[in-house]
C-alpha atoms as a PDB file:
ATOM      1  CA  MET A   1     -18.186   4.357 -90.099  1.00  0.00           C
ATOM      2  CA  THR A   2     -21.969   4.498 -90.019  1.00  0.00           C
ATOM      3  CA  PHE A   3     -24.462   6.971 -88.603  1.00  0.00           C
ATOM      4  CA  ASN A   4     -27.953   5.980 -87.634  1.00  0.00           C
ATOM      5  CA  SER A   5     -30.447   7.881 -85.478  1.00  0.00           C
ATOM      6  CA  ARG A   6     -32.927   5.007 -85.467  1.00  0.00           C
ATOM      7  CA  THR A   7     -31.000   2.088 -84.036  1.00  0.00           C
ATOM      8  CA  ALA A   8     -32.304  -0.287 -81.388  1.00  0.00           C
ATOM      9  CA  PRO A   9     -32.501   1.113 -77.828  1.00  0.00           C
ATOM     10  CA  VAL A  10     -29.514   0.723 -75.537  1.00  0.00           C
ATOM     11  CA  PRO A  11     -30.725  -0.587 -72.169  1.00  0.00           C
ATOM     12  CA  ILE A  12     -30.108   1.428 -69.034  1.00  0.00           C
ATOM     13  CA  THR A  13     -28.421  -0.895 -66.584  1.00  0.00           C
ATOM     14  CA  GLY A  14     -29.657   0.644 -63.349  1.00  0.00           C
ATOM     15  CA  ALA A  15     -32.957  -0.397 -61.801  1.00  0.00           C
ATOM     16  CA  THR A  16     -34.517   2.731 -63.250  1.00  0.00           C
ATOM     17  CA  ALA A  17     -38.175   3.355 -62.632  1.00  0.00           C
ATOM     18  CA  ALA A  18     -38.791   4.567 -66.147  1.00  0.00           C
ATOM     19  CA  VAL A  19     -39.758   2.418 -69.106  1.00  0.00           C
ATOM     20  CA  LEU A  20     -38.259   3.378 -72.442  1.00  0.00           C
ATOM     21  CA  PRO A  21     -41.004   4.316 -74.916  1.00  0.00           C
ATOM     22  CA  THR A  22     -41.194   1.839 -77.787  1.00  0.00           C
ATOM     23  CA  THR A  23     -41.725   4.674 -80.286  1.00  0.00           C
ATOM     24  CA  HIS A  24     -38.434   6.392 -79.451  1.00  0.00           C
ATOM     25  CA  ARG A  25     -34.984   5.317 -80.531  1.00  0.00           C
ATOM     26  CA  PRO A  26     -31.705   6.783 -79.313  1.00  0.00           C
ATOM     27  CA  ASP A  27     -29.387   8.743 -81.548  1.00  0.00           C
ATOM     28  CA  SER A  28     -26.360   6.622 -82.366  1.00  0.00           C
ATOM     29  CA  ILE A  29     -23.127   6.543 -84.332  1.00  0.00           C
ATOM     30  CA  THR A  30     -20.654   3.683 -84.848  1.00  0.00           C
ATOM     31  CA  VAL A  31     -16.987   4.427 -85.475  1.00  0.00           C
ATOM     32  CA  LYS A  32     -14.378   1.669 -85.848  1.00  0.00           C
ATOM     33  CA  GLY A  33     -16.210  -0.798 -83.664  1.00  0.00           C
ATOM     34  CA  PHE A  34     -17.369   1.679 -81.011  1.00  0.00           C
ATOM     35  CA  LYS A  35     -21.068   2.480 -80.833  1.00  0.00           C
ATOM     36  CA  ILE A  36     -21.973   5.738 -79.112  1.00  0.00           C
ATOM     37  CA  SER A  37     -25.629   6.316 -78.220  1.00  0.00           C
ATOM     38  CA  THR A  38     -27.541   9.075 -76.458  1.00  0.00           C
ATOM     39  CA  GLN A  39     -31.139   9.544 -75.434  1.00  0.00           C
ATOM     40  CA  LYS A  40     -32.947  12.672 -74.239  1.00  0.00           C
ATOM     41  CA  LEU A  41     -36.546  12.495 -73.070  1.00  0.00           C
ATOM     42  CA  PRO A  42     -38.726  14.703 -70.808  1.00  0.00           C
ATOM     43  CA  ILE A  43     -38.538  14.587 -67.020  1.00  0.00           C
ATOM     44  CA  LEU A  44     -40.209  11.639 -65.344  1.00  0.00           C
ATOM     45  CA  LYS A  45     -43.863  11.804 -64.378  1.00  0.00           C
ATOM     46  CA  ALA A  46     -45.312  11.090 -60.926  1.00  0.00           C
ATOM     47  CA  ASP A  47     -45.647   7.290 -61.098  1.00  0.00           C
ATOM     48  CA  PRO A  48     -42.098   6.564 -62.365  1.00  0.00           C
ATOM     49  CA  ILE A  49     -40.732   9.034 -59.802  1.00  0.00           C
ATOM     50  CA  GLU A  50     -42.542   7.220 -57.016  1.00  0.00           C
ATOM     51  CA  THR A  51     -41.144   3.880 -58.157  1.00  0.00           C
ATOM     52  CA  MET A  52     -37.631   5.302 -58.503  1.00  0.00           C
ATOM     53  CA  THR A  53     -37.875   6.745 -54.987  1.00  0.00           C
ATOM     54  CA  LYS A  54     -38.759   3.354 -53.543  1.00  0.00           C
ATOM     55  CA  ASN A  55     -35.947   1.648 -55.472  1.00  0.00           C
ATOM     56  CA  LEU A  56     -33.367   4.245 -54.457  1.00  0.00           C
ATOM     57  CA  GLY A  57     -34.511   4.683 -50.876  1.00  0.00           C
ATOM     58  CA  ILE A  58     -34.226   8.468 -51.199  1.00  0.00           C
ATOM     59  CA  ALA A  59     -36.333  11.176 -52.816  1.00  0.00           C
ATOM     60  CA  PRO A  60     -34.990  12.062 -56.272  1.00  0.00           C
ATOM     61  CA  PRO A  61     -34.126  15.616 -57.377  1.00  0.00           C
ATOM     62  CA  GLU A  62     -36.780  18.054 -58.568  1.00  0.00           C
ATOM     63  CA  MET A  63     -35.943  17.418 -62.211  1.00  0.00           C
ATOM     64  CA  ILE A  64     -35.097  13.778 -62.832  1.00  0.00           C
ATOM     65  CA  PHE A  65     -34.480  12.594 -66.386  1.00  0.00           C
ATOM     66  CA  GLY A  66     -34.676   8.885 -65.692  1.00  0.00           C
ATOM     67  CA  ASP A  67     -34.847   7.842 -69.354  1.00  0.00           C
ATOM     68  CA  ASN A  68     -31.805   9.858 -70.440  1.00  0.00           C
ATOM     69  CA  PHE A  69     -28.424   8.224 -70.936  1.00  0.00           C
ATOM     70  CA  VAL A  70     -25.123   8.242 -72.796  1.00  0.00           C
ATOM     71  CA  SER A  71     -23.656   4.873 -73.731  1.00  0.00           C
ATOM     72  CA  ILE A  72     -20.394   3.699 -75.323  1.00  0.00           C
ATOM     73  CA  GLU A  73     -20.136   0.078 -76.480  1.00  0.00           C
ATOM     74  CA  HIS A  74     -17.151  -1.799 -77.890  1.00  0.00           C
ATOM     75  CA  GLU A  75     -18.935  -4.418 -79.932  1.00  0.00           C
ATOM     76  CA  LYS A  76     -16.009  -6.841 -80.397  1.00  0.00           C
ATOM     77  CA  SER A  77     -15.068  -7.208 -76.718  1.00  0.00           C
ATOM     78  CA  GLY A  78     -18.543  -6.781 -75.250  1.00  0.00           C
ATOM     79  CA  TRP A  79     -17.274  -3.949 -73.018  1.00  0.00           C
ATOM     80  CA  SER A  80     -19.468  -0.921 -72.443  1.00  0.00           C
ATOM     81  CA  ILE A  81     -19.885   2.079 -70.186  1.00  0.00           C
ATOM     82  CA  ASN A  82     -23.007   4.159 -69.766  1.00  0.00           C
ATOM     83  CA  PHE A  83     -24.134   7.125 -67.721  1.00  0.00           C
ATOM     84  CA  ASN A  84     -27.679   7.300 -66.331  1.00  0.00           C
ATOM     85  CA  ALA A  85     -29.494   9.078 -63.509  1.00  0.00           C
ATOM     86  CA  PHE A  86     -30.468   6.064 -61.401  1.00  0.00           C
ATOM     87  CA  ASP A  87     -26.955   4.653 -61.049  1.00  0.00           C
ATOM     88  CA  ALA A  88     -25.588   8.137 -60.352  1.00  0.00           C
ATOM     89  CA  LEU A  89     -28.139   8.757 -57.593  1.00  0.00           C
ATOM     90  CA  ASP A  90     -27.464   5.317 -56.164  1.00  0.00           C
ATOM     91  CA  ARG A  91     -23.951   6.619 -55.336  1.00  0.00           C
ATOM     92  CA  VAL A  92     -25.372   9.461 -53.205  1.00  0.00           C
ATOM     93  CA  ASP A  93     -24.710   9.007 -49.479  1.00  0.00           C
ATOM     94  CA  LYS A  94     -27.890   7.535 -48.005  1.00  0.00           C
ATOM     95  CA  THR A  95     -26.703   7.483 -44.390  1.00  0.00           C
ATOM     96  CA  GLY A  96     -26.779  11.222 -43.829  1.00  0.00           C
ATOM     97  CA  GLU A  97     -23.151  11.158 -42.638  1.00  0.00           C
ATOM     98  CA  SER A  98     -21.974  13.498 -45.404  1.00  0.00           C
ATOM     99  CA  MET A  99     -25.144  15.594 -45.389  1.00  0.00           C
ATOM    100  CA  LEU A 100     -24.480  19.326 -45.449  1.00  0.00           C
ATOM    101  CA  LYS A 101     -25.619  20.281 -41.961  1.00  0.00           C
ATOM    102  CA  VAL A 102     -26.753  23.838 -42.547  1.00  0.00           C
ATOM    103  CA  ALA A 103     -29.969  25.700 -41.910  1.00  0.00           C
ATOM    104  CA  HIS A 104     -31.084  25.228 -45.501  1.00  0.00           C
ATOM    105  CA  SER A 105     -31.551  21.493 -44.965  1.00  0.00           C
ATOM    106  CA  LYS A 106     -34.777  22.104 -43.013  1.00  0.00           C
ATOM    107  CA  GLU A 107     -36.164  24.174 -45.867  1.00  0.00           C
ATOM    108  CA  TRP A 108     -35.210  21.416 -48.280  1.00  0.00           C
ATOM    109  CA  GLN A 109     -36.951  18.773 -46.142  1.00  0.00           C
ATOM    110  CA  LYS A 110     -40.168  20.786 -46.071  1.00  0.00           C
ATOM    111  CA  SER A 111     -40.119  21.261 -49.850  1.00  0.00           C
ATOM    112  CA  ARG A 112     -39.493  17.568 -50.411  1.00  0.00           C
ATOM    113  CA  GLU A 113     -42.325  16.482 -48.120  1.00  0.00           C
ATOM    114  CA  THR A 114     -44.689  18.733 -50.076  1.00  0.00           C
ATOM    115  CA  THR A 115     -43.491  17.399 -53.421  1.00  0.00           C
ATOM    116  CA  HIS A 116     -43.645  13.720 -52.436  1.00  0.00           C
ATOM    117  CA  GLU A 117     -46.577  13.596 -50.033  1.00  0.00           C
ATOM    118  CA  GLY A 118     -47.408   9.965 -50.788  1.00  0.00           C
ATOM    119  CA  ILE A 119     -43.922   8.601 -50.120  1.00  0.00           C
ATOM    120  CA  LYS A 120     -42.844  10.227 -46.857  1.00  0.00           C
ATOM    121  CA  ASP A 121     -42.099   6.839 -45.352  1.00  0.00           C
ATOM    122  CA  VAL A 122     -39.069   6.306 -47.612  1.00  0.00           C
ATOM    123  CA  ILE A 123     -37.591   9.746 -47.086  1.00  0.00           C
ATOM    124  CA  LYS A 124     -34.763   9.574 -44.591  1.00  0.00           C
ATOM    125  CA  PRO A 125     -31.611  11.595 -43.839  1.00  0.00           C
ATOM    126  CA  PHE A 126     -29.231  11.605 -46.799  1.00  0.00           C
ATOM    127  CA  ASP A 127     -26.949  13.951 -48.688  1.00  0.00           C
ATOM    128  CA  TRP A 128     -29.607  16.366 -49.876  1.00  0.00           C
ATOM    129  CA  SER A 129     -27.126  18.053 -52.262  1.00  0.00           C
ATOM    130  CA  TYR A 130     -27.203  14.837 -54.358  1.00  0.00           C
ATOM    131  CA  SER A 131     -23.405  14.843 -54.554  1.00  0.00           C
ATOM    132  CA  THR A 132     -22.180  11.778 -56.409  1.00  0.00           C
ATOM    133  CA  ASP A 133     -18.780  10.375 -57.347  1.00  0.00           C
ATOM    134  CA  TYR A 134     -20.381   8.418 -60.195  1.00  0.00           C
ATOM    135  CA  LYS A 135     -17.866   7.466 -62.900  1.00  0.00           C
ATOM    136  CA  GLY A 136     -20.181   5.506 -65.173  1.00  0.00           C
ATOM    137  CA  THR A 137     -21.637   2.011 -65.178  1.00  0.00           C
ATOM    138  CA  VAL A 138     -19.234  -0.521 -66.703  1.00  0.00           C
ATOM    139  CA  ILE A 139     -20.330  -3.816 -68.235  1.00  0.00           C
ATOM    140  CA  SER A 140     -17.648  -6.299 -69.299  1.00  0.00           C
ATOM    141  CA  THR A 141     -18.187  -9.849 -70.525  1.00  0.00           C
ATOM    142  CA  ARG A 142     -14.451 -10.637 -70.407  1.00  0.00           C
ATOM    143  CA  ASP A 143     -13.516  -9.160 -67.021  1.00  0.00           C
ATOM    144  CA  ARG A 144     -11.958  -6.102 -68.616  1.00  0.00           C
ATOM    145  CA  ASP A 145     -11.994  -3.363 -66.007  1.00  0.00           C
ATOM    146  CA  PHE A 146     -10.161  -0.120 -65.364  1.00  0.00           C
ATOM    147  CA  GLU A 147      -6.729  -0.226 -63.760  1.00  0.00           C
ATOM    148  CA  GLN A 148      -4.626   2.640 -62.461  1.00  0.00           C
ATOM    149  CA  THR A 149      -2.369   4.286 -65.034  1.00  0.00           C
ATOM    150  CA  PRO A 150       0.081   7.207 -65.153  1.00  0.00           C
ATOM    151  CA  THR A 151      -0.981   7.953 -68.738  1.00  0.00           C
ATOM    152  CA  PRO A 152      -2.997  11.182 -68.952  1.00  0.00           C
ATOM    153  CA  ILE A 153      -5.626  12.094 -71.502  1.00  0.00           C
ATOM    154  CA  PRO A 154      -3.737  13.527 -74.546  1.00  0.00           C
ATOM    155  CA  ILE A 155      -5.094  17.064 -74.453  1.00  0.00           C
ATOM    156  CA  GLU A 156      -3.030  18.164 -77.475  1.00  0.00           C
ATOM    157  CA  LEU A 157      -4.784  15.633 -79.697  1.00  0.00           C
ATOM    158  CA  LEU A 158      -8.154  16.958 -78.554  1.00  0.00           C
ATOM    159  CA  LYS A 159      -7.123  20.495 -79.534  1.00  0.00           C
ATOM    160  CA  ARG A 160      -6.794  19.504 -83.171  1.00  0.00           C
ATOM    161  CA  PRO A 161      -9.463  20.987 -85.481  1.00  0.00           C
ATOM    162  CA  ASP A 162     -10.807  17.542 -86.359  1.00  0.00           C
ATOM    163  CA  PRO A 163     -14.339  17.317 -87.757  1.00  0.00           C
ATOM    164  CA  ILE A 164     -16.997  16.484 -85.185  1.00  0.00           C
ATOM    165  CA  LEU A 165     -19.017  13.496 -86.335  1.00  0.00           C
ATOM    166  CA  PHE A 166     -21.396  13.431 -83.375  1.00  0.00           C
ATOM    167  CA  PHE A 167     -22.116  15.637 -80.361  1.00  0.00           C
ATOM    168  CA  ASP A 168     -24.721  15.608 -77.614  1.00  0.00           C
ATOM    169  CA  ASP A 169     -25.325  17.226 -74.228  1.00  0.00           C
ATOM    170  CA  VAL A 170     -27.556  15.197 -71.901  1.00  0.00           C
ATOM    171  CA  ILE A 171     -28.907  16.298 -68.504  1.00  0.00           C
ATOM    172  CA  LEU A 172     -29.470  13.477 -66.005  1.00  0.00           C
ATOM    173  CA  TYR A 173     -30.799  15.418 -63.014  1.00  0.00           C
ATOM    174  CA  GLU A 174     -31.089  18.902 -61.526  1.00  0.00           C
ATOM    175  CA  ASP A 175     -32.327  20.479 -58.285  1.00  0.00           C
ATOM    176  CA  GLU A 176     -32.419  24.069 -56.998  1.00  0.00           C
ATOM    177  CA  LEU A 177     -31.894  22.970 -53.368  1.00  0.00           C
ATOM    178  CA  ALA A 178     -34.995  24.762 -52.065  1.00  0.00           C
ATOM    179  CA  ASP A 179     -33.949  27.959 -53.899  1.00  0.00           C
ATOM    180  CA  ASN A 180     -30.587  27.980 -52.112  1.00  0.00           C
ATOM    181  CA  GLY A 181     -28.407  27.091 -55.098  1.00  0.00           C
ATOM    182  CA  ILE A 182     -28.219  24.381 -57.710  1.00  0.00           C
ATOM    183  CA  THR A 183     -27.058  20.824 -58.127  1.00  0.00           C
ATOM    184  CA  MET A 184     -26.851  19.187 -61.552  1.00  0.00           C
ATOM    185  CA  LEU A 185     -25.413  16.147 -63.282  1.00  0.00           C
ATOM    186  CA  SER A 186     -24.925  16.274 -67.045  1.00  0.00           C
ATOM    187  CA  CYS A 187     -23.029  14.348 -69.688  1.00  0.00           C
ATOM    188  CA  LYS A 188     -21.485  15.609 -72.940  1.00  0.00           C
ATOM    189  CA  VAL A 189     -19.932  13.489 -75.653  1.00  0.00           C
ATOM    190  CA  ARG A 190     -17.935  14.577 -78.704  1.00  0.00           C
ATOM    191  CA  VAL A 191     -16.963  12.065 -81.399  1.00  0.00           C
ATOM    192  CA  MET A 192     -14.227  12.709 -83.977  1.00  0.00           C
ATOM    193  CA  PRO A 193     -12.850  10.365 -86.674  1.00  0.00           C
ATOM    194  CA  GLY A 194      -9.947   9.116 -84.541  1.00  0.00           C
ATOM    195  CA  ARG A 195     -11.124   9.560 -80.973  1.00  0.00           C
ATOM    196  CA  LEU A 196     -13.896  10.593 -78.622  1.00  0.00           C
ATOM    197  CA  LEU A 197     -14.188  12.537 -75.388  1.00  0.00           C
ATOM    198  CA  LEU A 198     -16.999  12.228 -72.872  1.00  0.00           C
ATOM    199  CA  LEU A 199     -17.418  14.563 -69.892  1.00  0.00           C
ATOM    200  CA  SER A 200     -19.786  13.671 -67.076  1.00  0.00           C
ATOM    201  CA  ARG A 201     -19.968  16.650 -64.722  1.00  0.00           C
ATOM    202  CA  PHE A 202     -21.556  17.028 -61.307  1.00  0.00           C
ATOM    203  CA  PHE A 203     -21.882  20.688 -60.302  1.00  0.00           C
ATOM    204  CA  MET A 204     -23.181  21.969 -56.972  1.00  0.00           C
ATOM    205  CA  ARG A 205     -23.457  25.510 -55.652  1.00  0.00           C
ATOM    206  CA  LEU A 206     -24.931  25.948 -52.205  1.00  0.00           C
ATOM    207  CA  ASP A 207     -25.266  29.681 -51.677  1.00  0.00           C
ATOM    208  CA  ASN A 208     -23.077  31.082 -48.908  1.00  0.00           C
ATOM    209  CA  VAL A 209     -21.762  27.585 -48.156  1.00  0.00           C
ATOM    210  CA  LEU A 210     -19.896  25.618 -50.844  1.00  0.00           C
ATOM    211  CA  PHE A 211     -18.987  25.068 -54.497  1.00  0.00           C
ATOM    212  CA  ARG A 212     -18.332  21.495 -55.687  1.00  0.00           C
ATOM    213  CA  LEU A 213     -17.298  20.036 -59.060  1.00  0.00           C
ATOM    214  CA  ARG A 214     -16.785  16.361 -59.870  1.00  0.00           C
ATOM    215  CA  ASP A 215     -15.734  15.568 -63.434  1.00  0.00           C
ATOM    216  CA  THR A 216     -15.375  12.185 -65.105  1.00  0.00           C
ATOM    217  CA  ARG A 217     -13.730  12.204 -68.522  1.00  0.00           C
ATOM    218  CA  ILE A 218     -13.662   9.215 -70.840  1.00  0.00           C
ATOM    219  CA  TYR A 219     -11.148   9.352 -73.683  1.00  0.00           C
ATOM    220  CA  ILE A 220     -11.045   6.653 -76.363  1.00  0.00           C
ATOM    221  CA  ASP A 221      -8.484   6.214 -79.107  1.00  0.00           C
ATOM    222  CA  PHE A 222     -10.310   4.289 -81.824  1.00  0.00           C
ATOM    223  CA  GLU A 223      -7.195   2.895 -83.487  1.00  0.00           C
ATOM    224  CA  GLY A 224      -5.682   1.335 -80.375  1.00  0.00           C
ATOM    225  CA  SER A 225      -9.023   0.713 -78.631  1.00  0.00           C
ATOM    226  CA  ASP A 226      -7.569   2.251 -75.467  1.00  0.00           C
ATOM    227  CA  VAL A 227      -9.920   3.833 -72.944  1.00  0.00           C
ATOM    228  CA  ILE A 228      -8.631   6.341 -70.382  1.00  0.00           C
ATOM    229  CA  ARG A 229     -10.857   7.494 -67.521  1.00  0.00           C
ATOM    230  CA  GLU A 230      -9.940  10.573 -65.503  1.00  0.00           C
ATOM    231  CA  TYR A 231     -11.838  11.576 -62.355  1.00  0.00           C
ATOM    232  CA  GLN A 232     -11.330  14.973 -60.733  1.00  0.00           C
ATOM    233  CA  SER A 233     -12.992  16.414 -57.653  1.00  0.00           C
ATOM    234  CA  LYS A 234     -12.768  20.112 -56.824  1.00  0.00           C
ATOM    235  CA  GLU A 235     -14.435  22.162 -54.121  1.00  0.00           C
ATOM    236  CA  CYS A 236     -14.105  25.357 -52.135  1.00  0.00           C
ATOM    237  CA  ASP A 237     -16.153  27.297 -49.620  1.00  0.00           C
ATOM    238  CA  TYR A 238     -18.421  29.972 -51.039  1.00  0.00           C
ATOM    239  CA  GLU A 239     -16.794  32.960 -49.324  1.00  0.00           C
ATOM    240  CA  THR A 240     -13.300  32.100 -50.572  1.00  0.00           C
ATOM    241  CA  VAL A 241     -14.540  31.967 -54.161  1.00  0.00           C
ATOM    242  CA  ARG A 242     -16.418  35.227 -53.705  1.00  0.00           C
ATOM    243  CA  GLN A 243     -13.258  36.923 -52.453  1.00  0.00           C
ATOM    244  CA  LYS A 244     -11.249  35.598 -55.412  1.00  0.00           C
ATOM    245  CA  LEU A 245     -13.774  37.186 -57.739  1.00  0.00           C
ATOM    246  CA  ALA A 246     -14.101  40.443 -55.794  1.00  0.00           C
ATOM    247  CA  SER A 247     -11.457  42.246 -57.862  1.00  0.00           C
ATOM    248  CA  ALA A 248     -12.662  40.865 -61.174  1.00  0.00           C
ATOM    249  CA  ARG A 249     -14.440  43.109 -63.639  1.00  0.00           C
ATOM    250  CA  ASP A 250     -16.533  40.236 -64.913  1.00  0.00           C
ATOM    251  CA  ASP A 251     -20.125  39.527 -63.967  1.00  0.00           C
ATOM    252  CA  ILE A 252     -19.549  37.736 -60.634  1.00  0.00           C
ATOM    253  CA  PRO A 253     -23.069  36.232 -60.334  1.00  0.00           C
ATOM    254  CA  ALA A 254     -22.706  34.857 -63.868  1.00  0.00           C
ATOM    255  CA  ILE A 255     -19.342  33.244 -63.060  1.00  0.00           C
ATOM    256  CA  MET A 256     -20.842  31.645 -59.958  1.00  0.00           C
ATOM    257  CA  ARG A 257     -23.338  29.905 -62.228  1.00  0.00           C
ATOM    258  CA  ASP A 258     -20.723  28.805 -64.777  1.00  0.00           C
ATOM    259  CA  PRO A 259     -18.958  25.516 -63.914  1.00  0.00           C
ATOM    260  CA  ASN A 260     -16.431  26.038 -66.716  1.00  0.00           C
ATOM    261  CA  ARG A 261     -15.212  29.292 -65.179  1.00  0.00           C
ATOM    262  CA  LEU A 262     -15.397  27.920 -61.639  1.00  0.00           C
ATOM    263  CA  SER A 263     -13.273  24.935 -62.607  1.00  0.00           C
ATOM    264  CA  GLU A 264     -10.339  27.336 -63.036  1.00  0.00           C
ATOM    265  CA  LEU A 265     -10.816  28.673 -59.491  1.00  0.00           C
ATOM    266  CA  LEU A 266     -11.640  25.643 -57.365  1.00  0.00           C
ATOM    267  CA  PRO A 267      -8.733  23.717 -55.805  1.00  0.00           C
ATOM    268  CA  LEU A 268      -8.259  20.057 -56.686  1.00  0.00           C
ATOM    269  CA  VAL A 269      -9.063  17.637 -53.858  1.00  0.00           C
ATOM    270  CA  ASP A 270      -8.914  14.313 -55.716  1.00  0.00           C
ATOM    271  CA  ARG A 271      -7.675  13.014 -59.077  1.00  0.00           C
ATOM    272  CA  ARG A 272      -7.547   9.477 -60.439  1.00  0.00           C
ATOM    273  CA  LEU A 273      -6.381   8.073 -63.781  1.00  0.00           C
ATOM    274  CA  GLU A 274      -7.430   4.642 -65.054  1.00  0.00           C
ATOM    275  CA  ARG A 275      -7.056   2.710 -68.306  1.00  0.00           C
ATOM    276  CA  VAL A 276      -8.533  -0.328 -69.979  1.00  0.00           C
ATOM    277  CA  ALA A 277      -7.128  -1.777 -73.209  1.00  0.00           C
ATOM    278  CA  LEU A 278      -9.876  -3.341 -75.342  1.00  0.00           C
ATOM    279  CA  GLY A 279      -7.639  -4.209 -78.278  1.00  0.00           C
ATOM    280  CA  GLU A 280      -5.347  -6.591 -76.355  1.00  0.00           C
END
């Protein structure tokens, strides 16, 4: 096992507008053939945002961290998965068919036209909540891809008090939806001697309308080189959640901002389990 915070940059696979600074190197750790890397840089400036907008075909969120990423590479097989803002936003509905058709959308459109005055021509109807079902960008040189599996992530193993060798929490994008809520995509990774767990979480709260959570978990057993990916989607209308919390003595506004607490309340609408064996 080696730890190195000055290893060579891991390329972002999406057609991101940003250019990785040559003076910055991602934080990285290698455990039993798996290299885990993260990078956190400031939000993009005007020129990269304009380029990203043209490449995506939609206006990006208010806070777009186009240079940030989390990457996991299995060096022996050439398989890797990474999480970055461009590829996540590329999964947002660009047709407008799933756009939340509420009064707030007009306010959002006005705010976006003000923010991106020079690129109005590429702004078109789309899901302005930036909801994405992004599960990571997979690269495989040997056609190793995820397949459905009944095997769940072994939660009991993750509850063990194992030492944490590496941890990071990376924000990919965030938007306050014209002051009508919040939408955010983030990625956390925790590396232990025998395994790792990554959580990519999309969280959206549209005030008086809807709560939405979409979680992608990546679990890797280093010894067997098995990768399990679990995707869960949860959502519920705002009023139903408010009523559930009405009798609670807790700080209700605080809970409504806490995706961890909301995850216990929101009903499950979709769940998928997949596996790829890199040691075979």
